[in-house]
C-alpha atoms as a PDB file:
ATOM      1  CA  MET A   1      -0.212   0.273   0.018  1.00  0.00           C
ATOM      2  CA  PHE A   2       1.501   3.689  -0.921  1.00  0.00           C
ATOM      3  CA  ILE A   3      -0.334   6.451   0.803  1.00  0.00           C
ATOM      4  CA  GLN A   4       0.373   9.928  -0.305  1.00  0.00           C
ATOM      5  CA  THR A   5       0.700  12.681   1.601  1.00  0.00           C
ATOM      6  CA  GLU A   6      -0.029  16.617   1.074  1.00  0.00           C
ATOM      7  CA  GLN A   7       0.559  19.776   2.685  1.00  0.00           C
ATOM      8  CA  THR A   8      -2.382  21.955   3.382  1.00  0.00           C
ATOM      9  CA  PRO A   9      -2.902  25.865   3.669  1.00  0.00           C
ATOM     10  CA  ASN A  10      -2.774  24.740   7.648  1.00  0.00           C
ATOM     11  CA  PRO A  11       0.792  24.149   8.937  1.00  0.00           C
ATOM     12  CA  ALA A  12      -0.422  21.998  11.555  1.00  0.00           C
ATOM     13  CA  THR A  13      -2.551  19.666   9.159  1.00  0.00           C
ATOM     14  CA  LEU A  14      -1.114  17.350   6.603  1.00  0.00           C
ATOM     15  CA  LYS A  15      -3.489  15.037   4.119  1.00  0.00           C
ATOM     16  CA  PHE A  16      -2.752  11.448   3.586  1.00  0.00           C
ATOM     17  CA  LEU A  17      -4.422   9.743   0.624  1.00  0.00           C
ATOM     18  CA  PRO A  18      -4.240   6.264   1.241  1.00  0.00           C
ATOM     19  CA  GLY A  19      -5.177   5.594  -2.300  1.00  0.00           C
ATOM     20  CA  GLU A  20      -8.774   3.954  -1.479  1.00  0.00           C
ATOM     21  CA  ALA A  21     -12.045   4.991  -0.200  1.00  0.00           C
ATOM     22  CA  VAL A  22     -12.073   6.367   3.177  1.00  0.00           C
ATOM     23  CA  LEU A  23     -15.519   7.115   3.810  1.00  0.00           C
ATOM     24  CA  ALA A  24     -18.074   6.146   1.296  1.00  0.00           C
ATOM     25  CA  GLU A  25     -20.163   9.178   2.092  1.00  0.00           C
ATOM     26  CA  GLY A  26     -19.790  12.384   4.414  1.00  0.00           C
ATOM     27  CA  SER A  27     -17.315  12.927   6.501  1.00  0.00           C
ATOM     28  CA  ALA A  28     -16.377  12.677  10.505  1.00  0.00           C
ATOM     29  CA  ASP A  29     -14.517  14.929  12.058  1.00  0.00           C
ATOM     30  CA  PHE A  30     -12.888  14.247  15.621  1.00  0.00           C
ATOM     31  CA  ALA A  31     -11.498  17.062  17.492  1.00  0.00           C
ATOM     32  CA  ASP A  32      -9.926  14.833  20.355  1.00  0.00           C
ATOM     33  CA  ALA A  33      -9.288  11.521  21.466  1.00  0.00           C
ATOM     34  CA  GLY A  34     -12.622  11.559  23.631  1.00  0.00           C
ATOM     35  CA  GLN A  35     -14.714  11.789  20.417  1.00  0.00           C
ATOM     36  CA  ALA A  36     -13.378   8.954  18.153  1.00  0.00           C
ATOM     37  CA  ALA A  37     -14.669   6.018  19.982  1.00  0.00           C
ATOM     38  CA  ARG A  38     -16.362   5.450  16.532  1.00  0.00           C
ATOM     39  CA  SER A  39     -13.830   4.906  14.912  1.00  0.00           C
ATOM     40  CA  PRO A  40     -10.929   2.695  14.831  1.00  0.00           C
ATOM     41  CA  LEU A  41      -8.939   4.512  12.324  1.00  0.00           C
ATOM     42  CA  ALA A  42      -9.296   7.756  14.553  1.00  0.00           C
ATOM     43  CA  ARG A  43      -8.543   6.187  17.468  1.00  0.00           C
ATOM     44  CA  ALA A  44      -5.303   4.312  16.224  1.00  0.00           C
ATOM     45  CA  LEU A  45      -4.453   7.852  14.951  1.00  0.00           C
ATOM     46  CA  PHE A  46      -4.917   9.720  18.241  1.00  0.00           C
ATOM     47  CA  GLU A  47      -2.633   7.358  19.926  1.00  0.00           C
ATOM     48  CA  VAL A  48       0.584   8.989  17.985  1.00  0.00           C
ATOM     49  CA  ASP A  49       1.934  11.615  20.496  1.00  0.00           C
ATOM     50  CA  GLY A  50       1.095  15.037  19.476  1.00  0.00           C
ATOM     51  CA  VAL A  51      -2.336  14.471  17.078  1.00  0.00           C
ATOM     52  CA  THR A  52      -4.706  16.934  18.288  1.00  0.00           C
ATOM     53  CA  ARG A  53      -7.479  16.626  15.213  1.00  0.00           C
ATOM     54  CA  VAL A  54      -8.426  13.719  12.843  1.00  0.00           C
ATOM     55  CA  PHE A  55     -10.382  14.403  10.030  1.00  0.00           C
ATOM     56  CA  LEU A  56     -11.973  11.873   7.693  1.00  0.00           C
ATOM     57  CA  GLY A  57     -13.145  12.128   4.111  1.00  0.00           C
ATOM     58  CA  GLY A  58     -14.181  10.661   0.991  1.00  0.00           C
ATOM     59  CA  ASP A  59     -10.819   9.124  -0.313  1.00  0.00           C
ATOM     60  CA  PHE A  60      -7.998  11.347   2.102  1.00  0.00           C
ATOM     61  CA  ILE A  61      -7.465  11.535   6.123  1.00  0.00           C
ATOM     62  CA  SER A  62      -6.388  15.014   7.676  1.00  0.00           C
ATOM     63  CA  VAL A  63      -4.584  14.847  10.557  1.00  0.00           C
ATOM     64  CA  SER A  64      -3.359  17.868  12.826  1.00  0.00           C
ATOM     65  CA  LYS A  65      -0.551  18.264  15.329  1.00  0.00           C
ATOM     66  CA  THR A  66       0.517  20.201  18.289  1.00  0.00           C
ATOM     67  CA  ASP A  67       3.018  22.894  17.437  1.00  0.00           C
ATOM     68  CA  GLU A  68       5.752  21.345  19.868  1.00  0.00           C
ATOM     69  CA  GLN A  69       6.025  18.463  17.570  1.00  0.00           C
ATOM     70  CA  SER A  70       7.589  17.846  14.321  1.00  0.00           C
ATOM     71  CA  TRP A  71       6.216  16.089  11.217  1.00  0.00           C
ATOM     72  CA  GLN A  72       9.250  15.015  10.568  1.00  0.00           C
ATOM     73  CA  VAL A  73       8.830  12.567  13.981  1.00  0.00           C
ATOM     74  CA  MET A  74       5.207  11.771  13.480  1.00  0.00           C
ATOM     75  CA  LYS A  75       4.970  11.147   9.829  1.00  0.00           C
ATOM     76  CA  PRO A  76       6.133   7.753  10.079  1.00  0.00           C
ATOM     77  CA  ALA A  77       4.003   6.827  13.184  1.00  0.00           C
ATOM     78  CA  ILE A  78       1.100   8.146  11.206  1.00  0.00           C
ATOM     79  CA  LEU A  79       1.783   6.514   8.003  1.00  0.00           C
ATOM     80  CA  GLY A  80       1.986   3.358   9.932  1.00  0.00           C
ATOM     81  CA  ALA A  81      -1.053   3.563  11.930  1.00  0.00           C
ATOM     82  CA  ILE A  82      -2.955   4.019   8.727  1.00  0.00           C
ATOM     83  CA  MET A  83      -1.102   1.302   6.886  1.00  0.00           C
ATOM     84  CA  GLU A  84      -1.883  -1.195   9.341  1.00  0.00           C
ATOM     85  CA  HIS A  85      -5.569  -0.473   9.631  1.00  0.00           C
ATOM     86  CA  PHE A  86      -6.232  -0.665   5.824  1.00  0.00           C
ATOM     87  CA  THR A  87      -4.430  -3.937   5.531  1.00  0.00           C
ATOM     88  CA  ALA A  88      -6.034  -5.519   8.340  1.00  0.00           C
ATOM     89  CA  ARG A  89      -9.456  -4.626   6.491  1.00  0.00           C
ATOM     90  CA  ARG A  90     -10.985  -3.024   9.907  1.00  0.00           C
ATOM     91  CA  PRO A  91     -13.794  -0.308   9.437  1.00  0.00           C
ATOM     92  CA  VAL A  92     -13.150   3.192   9.292  1.00  0.00           C
ATOM     93  CA  LEU A  93     -16.388   3.928  11.194  1.00  0.00           C
ATOM     94  CA  LEU A  94     -18.302   1.693  13.513  1.00  0.00           C
ATOM     95  CA  ASP A  95     -21.608   3.037  12.526  1.00  0.00           C
ATOM     96  CA  GLU A  96     -22.771   4.993   9.570  1.00  0.00           C
ATOM     97  CA  ALA A  97     -23.599   8.327  11.127  1.00  0.00           C
ATOM     98  CA  ASP A  98     -21.427  11.195   9.789  1.00  0.00           C
ATOM     99  CA  GLY A  99     -21.803  13.472  12.628  1.00  0.00           C
ATOM    100  CA  HIS A 100     -22.889  16.596  10.280  1.00  0.00           C
ATOM    101  CA  ASP A 101     -27.008  17.782  10.703  1.00  0.00           C
ATOM    102  CA  LEU A 102     -27.661  18.182   7.343  1.00  0.00           C
ATOM    103  CA  GLU A 103     -30.444  20.467   7.623  1.00  0.00           C
ATOM    104  CA  GLY A 104     -28.987  23.415   9.871  1.00  0.00           C
ATOM    105  CA  SER A 105     -31.175  25.742  11.355  1.00  0.00           C
ATOM    106  CA  PHE A 106     -33.252  28.001   9.637  1.00  0.00           C
ATOM    107  CA  ASP A 107     -36.541  29.787   9.434  1.00  0.00           C
ATOM    108  CA  PRO A 108     -39.089  27.725   7.433  1.00  0.00           C
ATOM    109  CA  ALA A 109     -39.855  30.565   5.355  1.00  0.00           C
ATOM    110  CA  ASP A 110     -36.057  30.561   4.063  1.00  0.00           C
ATOM    111  CA  ALA A 111     -36.213  27.211   2.641  1.00  0.00           C
ATOM    112  CA  GLU A 112     -35.715  28.111  -1.114  1.00  0.00           C
ATOM    113  CA  ILE A 113     -32.761  30.660   0.072  1.00  0.00           C
ATOM    114  CA  VAL A 114     -31.050  27.789   2.022  1.00  0.00           C
ATOM    115  CA  GLY A 115     -31.605  25.295  -0.569  1.00  0.00           C
ATOM    116  CA  GLN A 116     -29.487  27.904  -2.692  1.00  0.00           C
ATOM    117  CA  ILE A 117     -27.258  28.468  -0.254  1.00  0.00           C
ATOM    118  CA  LYS A 118     -26.578  24.758   0.249  1.00  0.00           C
ATOM    119  CA  GLU A 119     -26.399  23.842  -3.456  1.00  0.00           C
ATOM    120  CA  LEU A 120     -23.160  26.341  -4.161  1.00  0.00           C
ATOM    121  CA  LEU A 121     -21.353  24.901  -0.839  1.00  0.00           C
ATOM    122  CA  ASP A 122     -21.813  21.234  -1.913  1.00  0.00           C
ATOM    123  CA  THR A 123     -21.284  22.225  -6.341  1.00  0.00           C
ATOM    124  CA  ARG A 124     -18.357  25.127  -5.490  1.00  0.00           C
ATOM    125  CA  VAL A 125     -17.371  25.195  -1.982  1.00  0.00           C
ATOM    126  CA  ARG A 126     -16.719  21.597  -0.340  1.00  0.00           C
ATOM    127  CA  PRO A 127     -14.904  20.223  -3.342  1.00  0.00           C
ATOM    128  CA  ALA A 128     -12.230  23.277  -2.860  1.00  0.00           C
ATOM    129  CA  VAL A 129     -12.051  22.688   0.677  1.00  0.00           C
ATOM    130  CA  ALA A 130     -11.656  18.663   0.338  1.00  0.00           C
ATOM    131  CA  GLN A 131      -8.481  19.554  -1.920  1.00  0.00           C
ATOM    132  CA  ASP A 132      -7.043  21.276   1.293  1.00  0.00           C
ATOM    133  CA  GLY A 133      -7.864  18.544   3.464  1.00  0.00           C
ATOM    134  CA  GLY A 134     -11.211  19.966   5.369  1.00  0.00           C
ATOM    135  CA  ASP A 135     -15.216  20.310   4.926  1.00  0.00           C
ATOM    136  CA  ILE A 136     -17.502  23.190   5.731  1.00  0.00           C
ATOM    137  CA  VAL A 137     -20.903  22.241   7.092  1.00  0.00           C
ATOM    138  CA  PHE A 138     -23.855  24.211   7.211  1.00  0.00           C
ATOM    139  CA  ARG A 139     -25.388  24.909  10.188  1.00  0.00           C
ATOM    140  CA  GLY A 140     -27.961  27.271   9.503  1.00  0.00           C
ATOM    141  CA  PHE A 141     -29.072  30.787   8.634  1.00  0.00           C
ATOM    142  CA  ASP A 142     -30.588  33.590  10.182  1.00  0.00           C
ATOM    143  CA  GLU A 143     -31.527  36.958   9.692  1.00  0.00           C
ATOM    144  CA  GLY A 144     -29.417  37.333   6.295  1.00  0.00           C
ATOM    145  CA  ILE A 145     -26.183  35.508   8.090  1.00  0.00           C
ATOM    146  CA  VAL A 146     -24.892  31.873   6.921  1.00  0.00           C
ATOM    147  CA  TYR A 147     -23.534  30.040   9.985  1.00  0.00           C
ATOM    148  CA  LEU A 148     -21.024  27.265   8.505  1.00  0.00           C
ATOM    149  CA  HIS A 149     -18.699  24.635  10.565  1.00  0.00           C
ATOM    150  CA  MET A 150     -14.824  23.979   9.481  1.00  0.00           C
ATOM    151  CA  GLN A 151     -13.565  21.016   9.984  1.00  0.00           C
ATOM    152  CA  GLY A 152     -10.563  19.049   9.335  1.00  0.00           C
ATOM    153  CA  ALA A 153      -7.690  21.279   7.602  1.00  0.00           C
ATOM    154  CA  CYS A 154      -9.910  24.428   7.788  1.00  0.00           C
ATOM    155  CA  ALA A 155     -10.526  24.116  11.545  1.00  0.00           C
ATOM    156  CA  GLY A 156      -7.930  26.034  12.947  1.00  0.00           C
ATOM    157  CA  CYS A 157      -6.494  27.284   9.801  1.00  0.00           C
ATOM    158  CA  PRO A 158      -4.964  30.175   9.957  1.00  0.00           C
ATOM    159  CA  SER A 159      -6.526  31.469   6.403  1.00  0.00           C
ATOM    160  CA  SER A 160     -10.005  30.177   7.388  1.00  0.00           C
ATOM    161  CA  THR A 161     -11.307  33.544   8.450  1.00  0.00           C
ATOM    162  CA  ALA A 162      -9.736  35.122   4.828  1.00  0.00           C
ATOM    163  CA  THR A 163     -11.423  31.886   3.334  1.00  0.00           C
ATOM    164  CA  LEU A 164     -14.918  32.778   4.811  1.00  0.00           C
ATOM    165  CA  LYS A 165     -14.861  36.251   4.034  1.00  0.00           C
ATOM    166  CA  MET A 166     -12.764  36.655   0.918  1.00  0.00           C
ATOM    167  CA  GLY A 167     -14.393  33.595  -0.546  1.00  0.00           C
ATOM    168  CA  ILE A 168     -17.210  31.784   0.613  1.00  0.00           C
ATOM    169  CA  GLU A 169     -19.311  35.342   2.108  1.00  0.00           C
ATOM    170  CA  ASN A 170     -18.571  37.022  -1.703  1.00  0.00           C
ATOM    171  CA  MET A 171     -19.714  33.726  -3.677  1.00  0.00           C
ATOM    172  CA  LEU A 172     -22.859  33.451  -1.576  1.00  0.00           C
ATOM    173  CA  ARG A 173     -23.355  37.263  -1.594  1.00  0.00           C
ATOM    174  CA  HIS A 174     -23.167  37.116  -5.193  1.00  0.00           C
ATOM    175  CA  TYR A 175     -25.105  34.381  -6.214  1.00  0.00           C
ATOM    176  CA  VAL A 176     -28.018  34.733  -3.310  1.00  0.00           C
ATOM    177  CA  PRO A 177     -28.560  38.435  -2.617  1.00  0.00           C
ATOM    178  CA  GLU A 178     -30.389  37.601   0.514  1.00  0.00           C
ATOM    179  CA  VAL A 179     -27.175  36.502   2.032  1.00  0.00           C
ATOM    180  CA  LEU A 180     -25.793  39.383   4.208  1.00  0.00           C
ATOM    181  CA  GLY A 181     -22.678  37.156   5.862  1.00  0.00           C
ATOM    182  CA  VAL A 182     -20.853  34.257   6.906  1.00  0.00           C
ATOM    183  CA  ARG A 183     -19.998  33.191  10.261  1.00  0.00           C
ATOM    184  CA  PRO A 184     -18.247  30.295  11.629  1.00  0.00           C
ATOM    185  CA  VAL A 185     -19.659  28.608  14.684  1.00  0.00           C
ATOM    186  CA  PRO A 186     -17.675  25.427  16.507  1.00  0.00           C
END
């Protein structure tokens, strides 16, 4: 098994590509080892000293680290954990729940606007951020403000604010005039 690695815009996160599907659909974000109970793969990765977050996408795994650790020391252990997991054919998740609220919160009167927002996020934004090892999930729409949750490499990335404001907000405001702004939510 050959596992490729790619840098992300977040220097504390690396993207690992095992060359096969990680999740059939959706994504899973584990902000700490306590949340990783439903993923044998995430649990194994959190056993590597310095791992702070694990994000599972369709064909990649993003791993974030503490500032004190170096990728040079951590990368072999992470590659070993991923290789061991996939060669043993263990499940990535123990259940099918992907962990995100696909609906989010919004006034039912705004359903058409929210549909447009979700369509733009799914077709233009999510594929782009997946390239960088992350994901963005719709969490709500209220009084012109779109609430988004950033996952994987996007969570805690130094350029995430610029991505939200300059990229996503500008695009949504262009295509959906009812959108006044975009805000991140934990």
